[in-house]
Amino acid sequence: MFQHLKKYIKACRPVPSSLVIFPISMTIAFAYSHCNSNGNNCQEFNIPLTIICSIISLLLFQYGFIINSVIDYLTGIDDDQTFDRTLFDSNNSLGDLYKYCFAIISIIILSFIFPIYWYSKSIETYWLIVKLISIGFFSSTMYTFSKYIGLGGFFVEIGYCIAVICTYLALTNNYVSIFDFGHPLIICSIMYRIYSHTAILSNCIRDHESDQAAGIYTISRIIGLNQSFILLLSLYASVFILQFYLMFTYGNYYFLIVILSFSINLDSFYKKYLKQGRSIINWGNGISFLIPFTIFNFAILFGTW
């Protein structure tokens, strides 16, 4: 039992897949702060439904990583000599990965049948959540194929957006469109939407040679390595722009701490990159965001919206 659980945890890449916890917690922090700012009754929050939707969001990301390992292996892109050796290092067989996918899909379908319906405050909320989760499932399934044509970041972004909208809907029974850029929650979610593109771009930069050998056109192959580095730096710059915008628009100077921590992390990442090269760029990108993500969510919690 525990051995199977250990193999599953390794197969779903626990660190990157669990990062969806940050946009979920950001949404909860925003909902609580927004509720207090407007003098509403926060006791009306639907905690059980929020927990269920949060678990499903996590499972969808785990499913996406498992499917990615399956497809990369079947297409010959990853083997025991490449940087990405999830299938080999986790001691899982293809059959094991298929079982994990079946288990995740079964859990999601069963959640549609009873708990989500039971805890939804209205049939409209229920169907909205079902539609959002279905879009998230499609996004996770298509992620690897989209990565092969330079669009992987957009499908990861969809996954983060679904997590934000679904969490807010479950918690408050209010639906916010991801295209409603006048809503402060959607503006705040840009932080994680930016990260989704840096994560995929840094991964593609790291795997540039192996992707070229496999004949797939990731974003770094389409625009070239030099332009990929420029794009990555531009995305990092947009993080700073977002923090300044939030700080001045909402008078929340906690975002200065986000800027400071992100600057320190990027400096450390750059120094390690000079020593170790592109092999650590994907890892370094993720580490650079971890502490800023945490501070960012606290800044939202203590803000006035």
C-alpha atoms as a PDB file:
ATOM      1  CA  MET A   1       0.000   0.000   0.000  1.00  0.00           C
ATOM      2  CA  PHE A   2       2.614   2.543   1.095  1.00  0.00           C
ATOM      3  CA  GLN A   3       4.981   1.396  -1.641  1.00  0.00           C
ATOM      4  CA  HIS A   4       2.327   2.084  -4.287  1.00  0.00           C
ATOM      5  CA  LEU A   5       1.612   5.479  -2.722  1.00  0.00           C
ATOM      6  CA  LYS A   6       5.320   6.323  -2.764  1.00  0.00           C
ATOM      7  CA  LYS A   7       5.576   5.380  -6.447  1.00  0.00           C
ATOM      8  CA  TYR A   8       2.490   7.442  -7.253  1.00  0.00           C
ATOM      9  CA  ILE A   9       3.882  10.505  -5.480  1.00  0.00           C
ATOM     10  CA  LYS A  10       7.110  10.228  -7.484  1.00  0.00           C
ATOM     11  CA  ALA A  11       5.226   9.729 -10.754  1.00  0.00           C
ATOM     12  CA  CYS A  12       3.071  12.848 -10.373  1.00  0.00           C
ATOM     13  CA  ARG A  13       6.099  15.081  -9.654  1.00  0.00           C
ATOM     14  CA  PRO A  14       4.967  16.306  -6.227  1.00  0.00           C
ATOM     15  CA  VAL A  15       6.846  19.623  -6.214  1.00  0.00           C
ATOM     16  CA  PRO A  16       5.662  21.151  -9.529  1.00  0.00           C
ATOM     17  CA  SER A  17       2.165  19.632  -9.345  1.00  0.00           C
ATOM     18  CA  SER A  18       1.630  20.879  -5.792  1.00  0.00           C
ATOM     19  CA  LEU A  19       2.354  24.470  -6.852  1.00  0.00           C
ATOM     20  CA  VAL A  20      -1.347  24.749  -7.717  1.00  0.00           C
ATOM     21  CA  ILE A  21      -1.823  25.116  -3.947  1.00  0.00           C
ATOM     22  CA  PHE A  22      -0.508  28.688  -4.264  1.00  0.00           C
ATOM     23  CA  PRO A  23      -3.216  30.051  -6.619  1.00  0.00           C
ATOM     24  CA  ILE A  24      -5.833  28.193  -4.568  1.00  0.00           C
ATOM     25  CA  SER A  25      -4.605  29.728  -1.305  1.00  0.00           C
ATOM     26  CA  MET A  26      -4.322  33.111  -3.057  1.00  0.00           C
ATOM     27  CA  THR A  27      -7.988  32.873  -4.003  1.00  0.00           C
ATOM     28  CA  ILE A  28      -9.014  31.955  -0.464  1.00  0.00           C
ATOM     29  CA  ALA A  29      -6.924  34.836   0.931  1.00  0.00           C
ATOM     30  CA  PHE A  30      -8.523  37.253  -1.519  1.00  0.00           C
ATOM     31  CA  ALA A  31     -12.057  36.050  -0.751  1.00  0.00           C
ATOM     32  CA  TYR A  32     -11.509  36.447   2.996  1.00  0.00           C
ATOM     33  CA  SER A  33      -9.885  39.883   2.638  1.00  0.00           C
ATOM     34  CA  HIS A  34     -12.533  41.055   0.171  1.00  0.00           C
ATOM     35  CA  CYS A  35     -15.270  39.831   2.502  1.00  0.00           C
ATOM     36  CA  ASN A  36     -13.848  41.753   5.464  1.00  0.00           C
ATOM     37  CA  SER A  37     -13.227  44.847   3.359  1.00  0.00           C
ATOM     38  CA  ASN A  38     -16.897  44.990   2.383  1.00  0.00           C
ATOM     39  CA  GLY A  39     -18.335  44.064   5.775  1.00  0.00           C
ATOM     40  CA  ASN A  40     -19.894  40.799   4.574  1.00  0.00           C
ATOM     41  CA  ASN A  41     -20.450  37.607   6.558  1.00  0.00           C
ATOM     42  CA  CYS A  42     -17.474  35.358   5.909  1.00  0.00           C
ATOM     43  CA  GLN A  43     -19.168  32.513   7.803  1.00  0.00           C
ATOM     44  CA  GLU A  44     -21.210  31.867   4.672  1.00  0.00           C
ATOM     45  CA  PHE A  45     -18.127  30.493   2.916  1.00  0.00           C
ATOM     46  CA  ASN A  46     -18.690  26.977   1.565  1.00  0.00           C
ATOM     47  CA  ILE A  47     -15.660  25.239   3.087  1.00  0.00           C
ATOM     48  CA  PRO A  48     -16.561  21.592   2.195  1.00  0.00           C
ATOM     49  CA  LEU A  49     -17.069  22.394  -1.501  1.00  0.00           C
ATOM     50  CA  THR A  50     -13.876  24.457  -1.555  1.00  0.00           C
ATOM     51  CA  ILE A  51     -11.869  21.542  -0.135  1.00  0.00           C
ATOM     52  CA  ILE A  52     -13.316  19.162  -2.735  1.00  0.00           C
ATOM     53  CA  CYS A  53     -12.586  21.517  -5.641  1.00  0.00           C
ATOM     54  CA  SER A  54      -9.068  22.195  -4.336  1.00  0.00           C
ATOM     55  CA  ILE A  55      -8.312  18.464  -4.185  1.00  0.00           C
ATOM     56  CA  ILE A  56      -9.611  18.008  -7.724  1.00  0.00           C
ATOM     57  CA  SER A  57      -7.448  20.915  -8.961  1.00  0.00           C
ATOM     58  CA  LEU A  58      -4.415  19.197  -7.428  1.00  0.00           C
ATOM     59  CA  LEU A  59      -5.397  15.859  -8.980  1.00  0.00           C
ATOM     60  CA  LEU A  60      -5.757  17.482 -12.398  1.00  0.00           C
ATOM     61  CA  PHE A  61      -2.199  18.787 -12.259  1.00  0.00           C
ATOM     62  CA  GLN A  62      -0.933  15.399 -11.092  1.00  0.00           C
ATOM     63  CA  TYR A  63      -2.841  13.769 -13.943  1.00  0.00           C
ATOM     64  CA  GLY A  64      -1.266  16.211 -16.399  1.00  0.00           C
ATOM     65  CA  PHE A  65       2.267  15.343 -15.271  1.00  0.00           C
ATOM     66  CA  ILE A  66       1.584  11.601 -15.404  1.00  0.00           C
ATOM     67  CA  ILE A  67       0.125  11.868 -18.915  1.00  0.00           C
ATOM     68  CA  ASN A  68       3.158  13.957 -19.893  1.00  0.00           C
ATOM     69  CA  SER A  69       5.505  11.163 -18.780  1.00  0.00           C
ATOM     70  CA  VAL A  70       3.477   8.585 -20.708  1.00  0.00           C
ATOM     71  CA  ILE A  71       3.382  10.573 -23.957  1.00  0.00           C
ATOM     72  CA  ASP A  72       7.028  11.677 -23.776  1.00  0.00           C
ATOM     73  CA  TYR A  73       8.072   8.060 -23.275  1.00  0.00           C
ATOM     74  CA  LEU A  74       5.829   6.624 -26.020  1.00  0.00           C
ATOM     75  CA  THR A  75       7.046   9.215 -28.518  1.00  0.00           C
ATOM     76  CA  GLY A  76      10.680   8.518 -27.626  1.00  0.00           C
ATOM     77  CA  ILE A  77      11.375  12.030 -26.357  1.00  0.00           C
ATOM     78  CA  ASP A  78      12.375  10.926 -22.849  1.00  0.00           C
ATOM     79  CA  ASP A  79      14.544   7.968 -21.926  1.00  0.00           C
ATOM     80  CA  ASP A  80      16.926   7.048 -19.115  1.00  0.00           C
ATOM     81  CA  GLN A  81      19.572   9.404 -20.539  1.00  0.00           C
ATOM     82  CA  THR A  82      17.527  12.633 -20.680  1.00  0.00           C
ATOM     83  CA  PHE A  83      17.031  15.241 -17.962  1.00  0.00           C
ATOM     84  CA  ASP A  84      13.401  14.204 -17.522  1.00  0.00           C
ATOM     85  CA  ARG A  85      13.534  10.657 -16.171  1.00  0.00           C
ATOM     86  CA  THR A  86      10.313  10.574 -14.133  1.00  0.00           C
ATOM     87  CA  LEU A  87       9.180   7.225 -15.494  1.00  0.00           C
ATOM     88  CA  PHE A  88      12.560   5.635 -14.851  1.00  0.00           C
ATOM     89  CA  ASP A  89      13.472   7.224 -11.522  1.00  0.00           C
ATOM     90  CA  SER A  90      10.073   6.488  -9.936  1.00  0.00           C
ATOM     91  CA  ASN A  91      10.303   2.729 -10.700  1.00  0.00           C
ATOM     92  CA  ASN A  92       6.884   2.837 -12.311  1.00  0.00           C
ATOM     93  CA  SER A  93       5.858   0.902 -15.392  1.00  0.00           C
ATOM     94  CA  LEU A  94       3.593   2.262 -18.105  1.00  0.00           C
ATOM     95  CA  GLY A  95       0.889   0.050 -16.653  1.00  0.00           C
ATOM     96  CA  ASP A  96       1.284   1.774 -13.290  1.00  0.00           C
ATOM     97  CA  LEU A  97       0.875   5.198 -14.891  1.00  0.00           C
ATOM     98  CA  TYR A  98      -2.264   4.062 -16.705  1.00  0.00           C
ATOM     99  CA  LYS A  99      -3.688   2.856 -13.386  1.00  0.00           C
ATOM    100  CA  TYR A 100      -2.945   6.201 -11.735  1.00  0.00           C
ATOM    101  CA  CYS A 101      -4.734   8.041 -14.550  1.00  0.00           C
ATOM    102  CA  PHE A 102      -7.734   5.722 -14.268  1.00  0.00           C
ATOM    103  CA  ALA A 103      -7.864   6.271 -10.498  1.00  0.00           C
ATOM    104  CA  ILE A 104      -7.758  10.063 -10.856  1.00  0.00           C
ATOM    105  CA  ILE A 105     -10.467  10.098 -13.532  1.00  0.00           C
ATOM    106  CA  SER A 106     -12.631   7.798 -11.389  1.00  0.00           C
ATOM    107  CA  ILE A 107     -12.287  10.064  -8.347  1.00  0.00           C
ATOM    108  CA  ILE A 108     -13.278  13.119 -10.393  1.00  0.00           C
ATOM    109  CA  ILE A 109     -16.314  11.398 -11.924  1.00  0.00           C
ATOM    110  CA  LEU A 110     -17.448  10.115  -8.535  1.00  0.00           C
ATOM    111  CA  SER A 111     -17.112  13.625  -7.112  1.00  0.00           C
ATOM    112  CA  PHE A 112     -19.508  14.844  -9.810  1.00  0.00           C
ATOM    113  CA  ILE A 113     -22.098  12.257  -8.824  1.00  0.00           C
ATOM    114  CA  PHE A 114     -22.330  12.968  -5.117  1.00  0.00           C
ATOM    115  CA  PRO A 115     -20.168  15.383  -3.066  1.00  0.00           C
ATOM    116  CA  ILE A 116     -20.047  18.345  -5.474  1.00  0.00           C
ATOM    117  CA  TYR A 117     -23.784  18.116  -6.125  1.00  0.00           C
ATOM    118  CA  TRP A 118     -24.518  17.724  -2.418  1.00  0.00           C
ATOM    119  CA  TYR A 119     -22.507  20.738  -1.281  1.00  0.00           C
ATOM    120  CA  SER A 120     -23.339  23.088  -4.184  1.00  0.00           C
ATOM    121  CA  LYS A 121     -25.723  25.839  -3.111  1.00  0.00           C
ATOM    122  CA  SER A 122     -27.536  25.806  -6.446  1.00  0.00           C
ATOM    123  CA  ILE A 123     -27.833  23.695  -9.567  1.00  0.00           C
ATOM    124  CA  GLU A 124     -26.237  26.582 -11.513  1.00  0.00           C
ATOM    125  CA  THR A 125     -23.166  26.446  -9.259  1.00  0.00           C
ATOM    126  CA  TYR A 126     -22.998  22.672  -9.667  1.00  0.00           C
ATOM    127  CA  TRP A 127     -23.002  22.796 -13.460  1.00  0.00           C
ATOM    128  CA  LEU A 128     -20.506  25.660 -13.539  1.00  0.00           C
ATOM    129  CA  ILE A 129     -18.097  23.641 -11.392  1.00  0.00           C
ATOM    130  CA  VAL A 130     -18.593  20.554 -13.573  1.00  0.00           C
ATOM    131  CA  LYS A 131     -17.860  22.617 -16.698  1.00  0.00           C
ATOM    132  CA  LEU A 132     -14.775  24.237 -15.160  1.00  0.00           C
ATOM    133  CA  ILE A 133     -13.340  20.908 -14.008  1.00  0.00           C
ATOM    134  CA  SER A 134     -14.051  19.401 -17.442  1.00  0.00           C
ATOM    135  CA  ILE A 135     -12.116  22.254 -19.079  1.00  0.00           C
ATOM    136  CA  GLY A 136      -9.301  21.661 -16.573  1.00  0.00           C
ATOM    137  CA  PHE A 137      -9.248  17.965 -17.466  1.00  0.00           C
ATOM    138  CA  PHE A 138      -9.073  18.786 -21.180  1.00  0.00           C
ATOM    139  CA  SER A 139      -6.259  21.250 -20.507  1.00  0.00           C
ATOM    140  CA  SER A 140      -4.246  18.689 -18.530  1.00  0.00           C
ATOM    141  CA  THR A 141      -4.747  16.086 -21.264  1.00  0.00           C
ATOM    142  CA  MET A 142      -3.702  18.430 -24.058  1.00  0.00           C
ATOM    143  CA  TYR A 143      -0.755  19.997 -22.221  1.00  0.00           C
ATOM    144  CA  THR A 144       1.930  17.681 -23.612  1.00  0.00           C
ATOM    145  CA  PHE A 145       0.655  17.864 -27.201  1.00  0.00           C
ATOM    146  CA  SER A 146       0.462  21.654 -26.965  1.00  0.00           C
ATOM    147  CA  LYS A 147       4.015  21.755 -25.594  1.00  0.00           C
ATOM    148  CA  TYR A 148       5.184  20.070 -28.793  1.00  0.00           C
ATOM    149  CA  ILE A 149       3.972  23.046 -30.850  1.00  0.00           C
ATOM    150  CA  GLY A 150       5.050  25.846 -28.511  1.00  0.00           C
ATOM    151  CA  LEU A 151       1.728  26.325 -26.692  1.00  0.00           C
ATOM    152  CA  GLY A 152       2.362  24.408 -23.458  1.00  0.00           C
ATOM    153  CA  GLY A 153       2.421  27.518 -21.276  1.00  0.00           C
ATOM    154  CA  PHE A 154      -1.095  28.478 -22.326  1.00  0.00           C
ATOM    155  CA  PHE A 155      -2.547  25.150 -21.226  1.00  0.00           C
ATOM    156  CA  VAL A 156      -0.782  25.343 -17.858  1.00  0.00           C
ATOM    157  CA  GLU A 157      -2.182  28.869 -17.572  1.00  0.00           C
ATOM    158  CA  ILE A 158      -5.669  27.500 -18.210  1.00  0.00           C
ATOM    159  CA  GLY A 159      -5.110  25.017 -15.383  1.00  0.00           C
ATOM    160  CA  TYR A 160      -4.176  27.787 -12.939  1.00  0.00           C
ATOM    161  CA  CYS A 161      -7.123  29.911 -14.105  1.00  0.00           C
ATOM    162  CA  ILE A 162      -9.542  27.032 -13.557  1.00  0.00           C
ATOM    163  CA  ALA A 163      -8.139  26.515 -10.050  1.00  0.00           C
ATOM    164  CA  VAL A 164      -8.693  30.203  -9.216  1.00  0.00           C
ATOM    165  CA  ILE A 165     -12.197  30.528 -10.679  1.00  0.00           C
ATOM    166  CA  CYS A 166     -13.393  27.174  -9.356  1.00  0.00           C
ATOM    167  CA  THR A 167     -12.069  27.858  -5.841  1.00  0.00           C
ATOM    168  CA  TYR A 168     -13.708  31.298  -5.733  1.00  0.00           C
ATOM    169  CA  LEU A 169     -16.990  29.902  -7.046  1.00  0.00           C
ATOM    170  CA  ALA A 170     -16.978  27.039  -4.546  1.00  0.00           C
ATOM    171  CA  LEU A 171     -16.100  29.307  -1.632  1.00  0.00           C
ATOM    172  CA  THR A 172     -18.363  32.296  -2.301  1.00  0.00           C
ATOM    173  CA  ASN A 173     -20.944  30.989  -4.810  1.00  0.00           C
ATOM    174  CA  ASN A 174     -19.875  33.842  -7.122  1.00  0.00           C
ATOM    175  CA  TYR A 175     -18.579  33.297 -10.633  1.00  0.00           C
ATOM    176  CA  VAL A 176     -15.849  35.538 -12.055  1.00  0.00           C
ATOM    177  CA  SER A 177     -14.796  35.317 -15.681  1.00  0.00           C
ATOM    178  CA  ILE A 178     -11.090  34.922 -16.241  1.00  0.00           C
ATOM    179  CA  PHE A 179     -11.404  37.667 -18.892  1.00  0.00           C
ATOM    180  CA  ASP A 180     -12.792  40.165 -16.382  1.00  0.00           C
ATOM    181  CA  PHE A 181      -9.562  42.147 -15.960  1.00  0.00           C
ATOM    182  CA  GLY A 182     -11.404  44.789 -13.986  1.00  0.00           C
ATOM    183  CA  HIS A 183     -11.859  42.329 -11.122  1.00  0.00           C
ATOM    184  CA  PRO A 184      -8.989  42.438  -8.591  1.00  0.00           C
ATOM    185  CA  LEU A 185      -8.955  38.624  -8.227  1.00  0.00           C
ATOM    186  CA  ILE A 186      -8.275  38.226 -11.940  1.00  0.00           C
ATOM    187  CA  ILE A 187      -5.570  40.891 -11.786  1.00  0.00           C
ATOM    188  CA  CYS A 188      -3.920  39.069  -8.873  1.00  0.00           C
ATOM    189  CA  SER A 189      -4.116  35.749 -10.726  1.00  0.00           C
ATOM    190  CA  ILE A 190      -1.801  37.197 -13.394  1.00  0.00           C
ATOM    191  CA  MET A 191       1.078  36.379 -11.018  1.00  0.00           C
ATOM    192  CA  TYR A 192       0.429  32.671 -11.498  1.00  0.00           C
ATOM    193  CA  ARG A 193      -0.392  33.029 -15.160  1.00  0.00           C
ATOM    194  CA  ILE A 194       3.043  34.564 -15.684  1.00  0.00           C
ATOM    195  CA  TYR A 195       4.663  31.712 -13.767  1.00  0.00           C
ATOM    196  CA  SER A 196       2.958  29.107 -15.958  1.00  0.00           C
ATOM    197  CA  HIS A 197       4.809  30.494 -18.980  1.00  0.00           C
ATOM    198  CA  THR A 198       8.183  30.835 -17.221  1.00  0.00           C
ATOM    199  CA  ALA A 199       7.895  27.223 -16.027  1.00  0.00           C
ATOM    200  CA  ILE A 200       7.286  25.835 -19.512  1.00  0.00           C
ATOM    201  CA  LEU A 201       9.777  28.159 -21.173  1.00  0.00           C
ATOM    202  CA  SER A 202      12.586  27.261 -18.744  1.00  0.00           C
ATOM    203  CA  ASN A 203      11.764  23.576 -19.252  1.00  0.00           C
ATOM    204  CA  CYS A 204      11.986  23.986 -23.024  1.00  0.00           C
ATOM    205  CA  ILE A 205      15.275  25.897 -22.764  1.00  0.00           C
ATOM    206  CA  ARG A 206      16.731  23.098 -20.639  1.00  0.00           C
ATOM    207  CA  ASP A 207      15.539  20.373 -23.036  1.00  0.00           C
ATOM    208  CA  HIS A 208      16.361  22.262 -26.236  1.00  0.00           C
ATOM    209  CA  GLU A 209      18.780  19.655 -27.653  1.00  0.00           C
ATOM    210  CA  SER A 210      16.698  16.592 -26.761  1.00  0.00           C
ATOM    211  CA  ASP A 211      13.565  18.240 -28.192  1.00  0.00           C
ATOM    212  CA  GLN A 212      15.483  19.045 -31.357  1.00  0.00           C
ATOM    213  CA  ALA A 213      16.651  15.439 -31.636  1.00  0.00           C
ATOM    214  CA  ALA A 214      13.055  14.258 -31.180  1.00  0.00           C
ATOM    215  CA  GLY A 215      11.846  16.613 -33.891  1.00  0.00           C
ATOM    216  CA  ILE A 216       9.318  18.542 -31.794  1.00  0.00           C
ATOM    217  CA  TYR A 217       8.861  22.296 -31.932  1.00  0.00           C
ATOM    218  CA  THR A 218       8.711  23.672 -28.426  1.00  0.00           C
ATOM    219  CA  ILE A 219       8.731  27.417 -27.862  1.00  0.00           C
ATOM    220  CA  SER A 220      12.540  27.540 -27.542  1.00  0.00           C
ATOM    221  CA  ARG A 221      12.946  25.750 -30.860  1.00  0.00           C
ATOM    222  CA  ILE A 222      10.450  27.993 -32.624  1.00  0.00           C
ATOM    223  CA  ILE A 223      11.979  31.307 -31.554  1.00  0.00           C
ATOM    224  CA  GLY A 224      15.539  30.143 -30.761  1.00  0.00           C
ATOM    225  CA  LEU A 225      17.532  29.973 -27.540  1.00  0.00           C
ATOM    226  CA  ASN A 226      18.630  33.614 -27.435  1.00  0.00           C
ATOM    227  CA  GLN A 227      15.103  34.891 -27.976  1.00  0.00           C
ATOM    228  CA  SER A 228      13.847  32.393 -25.393  1.00  0.00           C
ATOM    229  CA  PHE A 229      16.161  33.883 -22.770  1.00  0.00           C
ATOM    230  CA  ILE A 230      14.956  37.377 -23.705  1.00  0.00           C
ATOM    231  CA  LEU A 231      11.342  36.234 -23.382  1.00  0.00           C
ATOM    232  CA  LEU A 232      12.078  34.635 -20.000  1.00  0.00           C
ATOM    233  CA  LEU A 233      13.635  37.885 -18.753  1.00  0.00           C
ATOM    234  CA  SER A 234      10.621  39.798 -20.076  1.00  0.00           C
ATOM    235  CA  LEU A 235       8.294  37.538 -18.101  1.00  0.00           C
ATOM    236  CA  TYR A 236      10.374  38.112 -14.969  1.00  0.00           C
ATOM    237  CA  ALA A 237      10.135  41.861 -15.596  1.00  0.00           C
ATOM    238  CA  SER A 238       6.354  41.584 -15.864  1.00  0.00           C
ATOM    239  CA  VAL A 239       6.277  40.144 -12.323  1.00  0.00           C
ATOM    240  CA  PHE A 240       7.833  43.381 -11.040  1.00  0.00           C
ATOM    241  CA  ILE A 241       5.426  45.484 -13.096  1.00  0.00           C
ATOM    242  CA  LEU A 242       2.473  43.582 -11.634  1.00  0.00           C
ATOM    243  CA  GLN A 243       3.683  44.116  -8.058  1.00  0.00           C
ATOM    244  CA  PHE A 244       4.098  47.874  -8.582  1.00  0.00           C
ATOM    245  CA  TYR A 245       0.659  48.065 -10.200  1.00  0.00           C
ATOM    246  CA  LEU A 246      -1.016  46.260  -7.298  1.00  0.00           C
ATOM    247  CA  MET A 247       0.926  48.303  -4.757  1.00  0.00           C
ATOM    248  CA  PHE A 248      -0.055  51.698  -6.168  1.00  0.00           C
ATOM    249  CA  THR A 249      -3.575  50.778  -7.277  1.00  0.00           C
ATOM    250  CA  TYR A 250      -4.655  49.257  -3.969  1.00  0.00           C
ATOM    251  CA  GLY A 251      -2.266  51.075  -1.627  1.00  0.00           C
ATOM    252  CA  ASN A 252      -0.772  47.800  -0.426  1.00  0.00           C
ATOM    253  CA  TYR A 253       2.943  48.165   0.261  1.00  0.00           C
ATOM    254  CA  TYR A 254       3.366  44.523   1.264  1.00  0.00           C
ATOM    255  CA  PHE A 255       3.980  43.909  -2.430  1.00  0.00           C
ATOM    256  CA  LEU A 256       7.345  45.625  -1.972  1.00  0.00           C
ATOM    257  CA  ILE A 257       8.437  42.588   0.028  1.00  0.00           C
ATOM    258  CA  VAL A 258       7.465  40.388  -2.926  1.00  0.00           C
ATOM    259  CA  ILE A 259       9.662  42.521  -5.176  1.00  0.00           C
ATOM    260  CA  LEU A 260      12.579  42.292  -2.752  1.00  0.00           C
ATOM    261  CA  SER A 261      12.359  38.515  -2.271  1.00  0.00           C
ATOM    262  CA  PHE A 262      11.958  37.870  -6.000  1.00  0.00           C
ATOM    263  CA  SER A 263      14.994  40.061  -6.729  1.00  0.00           C
ATOM    264  CA  ILE A 264      17.140  38.152  -4.215  1.00  0.00           C
ATOM    265  CA  ASN A 265      15.995  34.787  -5.563  1.00  0.00           C
ATOM    266  CA  LEU A 266      16.666  35.755  -9.166  1.00  0.00           C
ATOM    267  CA  ASP A 267      20.149  36.965  -8.248  1.00  0.00           C
ATOM    268  CA  SER A 268      20.906  33.642  -6.539  1.00  0.00           C
ATOM    269  CA  PHE A 269      19.437  31.741  -9.491  1.00  0.00           C
ATOM    270  CA  TYR A 270      21.595  33.697 -11.947  1.00  0.00           C
ATOM    271  CA  LYS A 271      24.794  32.972 -10.005  1.00  0.00           C
ATOM    272  CA  LYS A 272      24.020  29.243  -9.962  1.00  0.00           C
ATOM    273  CA  TYR A 273      23.175  29.363 -13.646  1.00  0.00           C
ATOM    274  CA  LEU A 274      26.604  30.857 -14.442  1.00  0.00           C
ATOM    275  CA  LYS A 275      28.242  27.896 -12.683  1.00  0.00           C
ATOM    276  CA  GLN A 276      26.009  25.018 -13.777  1.00  0.00           C
ATOM    277  CA  GLY A 277      24.435  26.159 -17.033  1.00  0.00           C
ATOM    278  CA  ARG A 278      21.089  25.285 -18.565  1.00  0.00           C
ATOM    279  CA  SER A 279      20.737  21.988 -16.710  1.00  0.00           C
ATOM    280  CA  ILE A 280      19.431  23.820 -13.627  1.00  0.00           C
ATOM    281  CA  ILE A 281      17.300  26.481 -15.317  1.00  0.00           C
ATOM    282  CA  ASN A 282      13.979  24.700 -14.797  1.00  0.00           C
ATOM    283  CA  TRP A 283      14.728  23.971 -11.140  1.00  0.00           C
ATOM    284  CA  GLY A 284      16.070  27.487 -10.581  1.00  0.00           C
ATOM    285  CA  ASN A 285      12.969  29.089 -12.066  1.00  0.00           C
ATOM    286  CA  GLY A 286      10.690  27.186  -9.692  1.00  0.00           C
ATOM    287  CA  ILE A 287      12.798  27.979  -6.622  1.00  0.00           C
ATOM    288  CA  SER A 288      12.840  31.670  -7.556  1.00  0.00           C
ATOM    289  CA  PHE A 289       9.053  31.860  -7.230  1.00  0.00           C
ATOM    290  CA  LEU A 290       8.396  29.813  -4.079  1.00  0.00           C
ATOM    291  CA  ILE A 291       9.015  32.431  -1.371  1.00  0.00           C
ATOM    292  CA  PRO A 292       7.572  35.314  -3.465  1.00  0.00           C
ATOM    293  CA  PHE A 293       4.402  33.234  -3.981  1.00  0.00           C
ATOM    294  CA  THR A 294       4.005  32.851  -0.211  1.00  0.00           C
ATOM    295  CA  ILE A 295       4.611  36.553   0.486  1.00  0.00           C
ATOM    296  CA  PHE A 296       2.325  37.498  -2.410  1.00  0.00           C
ATOM    297  CA  ASN A 297      -0.565  35.543  -0.909  1.00  0.00           C
ATOM    298  CA  PHE A 298      -0.045  37.132   2.503  1.00  0.00           C
ATOM    299  CA  ALA A 299       0.052  40.565   0.851  1.00  0.00           C
ATOM    300  CA  ILE A 300      -3.346  39.813  -0.664  1.00  0.00           C
ATOM    301  CA  LEU A 301      -4.697  38.572   2.668  1.00  0.00           C
ATOM    302  CA  PHE A 302      -3.674  41.772   4.465  1.00  0.00           C
ATOM    303  CA  GLY A 303      -4.852  44.055   1.645  1.00  0.00           C
ATOM    304  CA  THR A 304      -8.066  45.980   1.139  1.00  0.00           C
ATOM    305  CA  TRP A 305     -10.026  45.203  -1.998  1.00  0.00           C
END
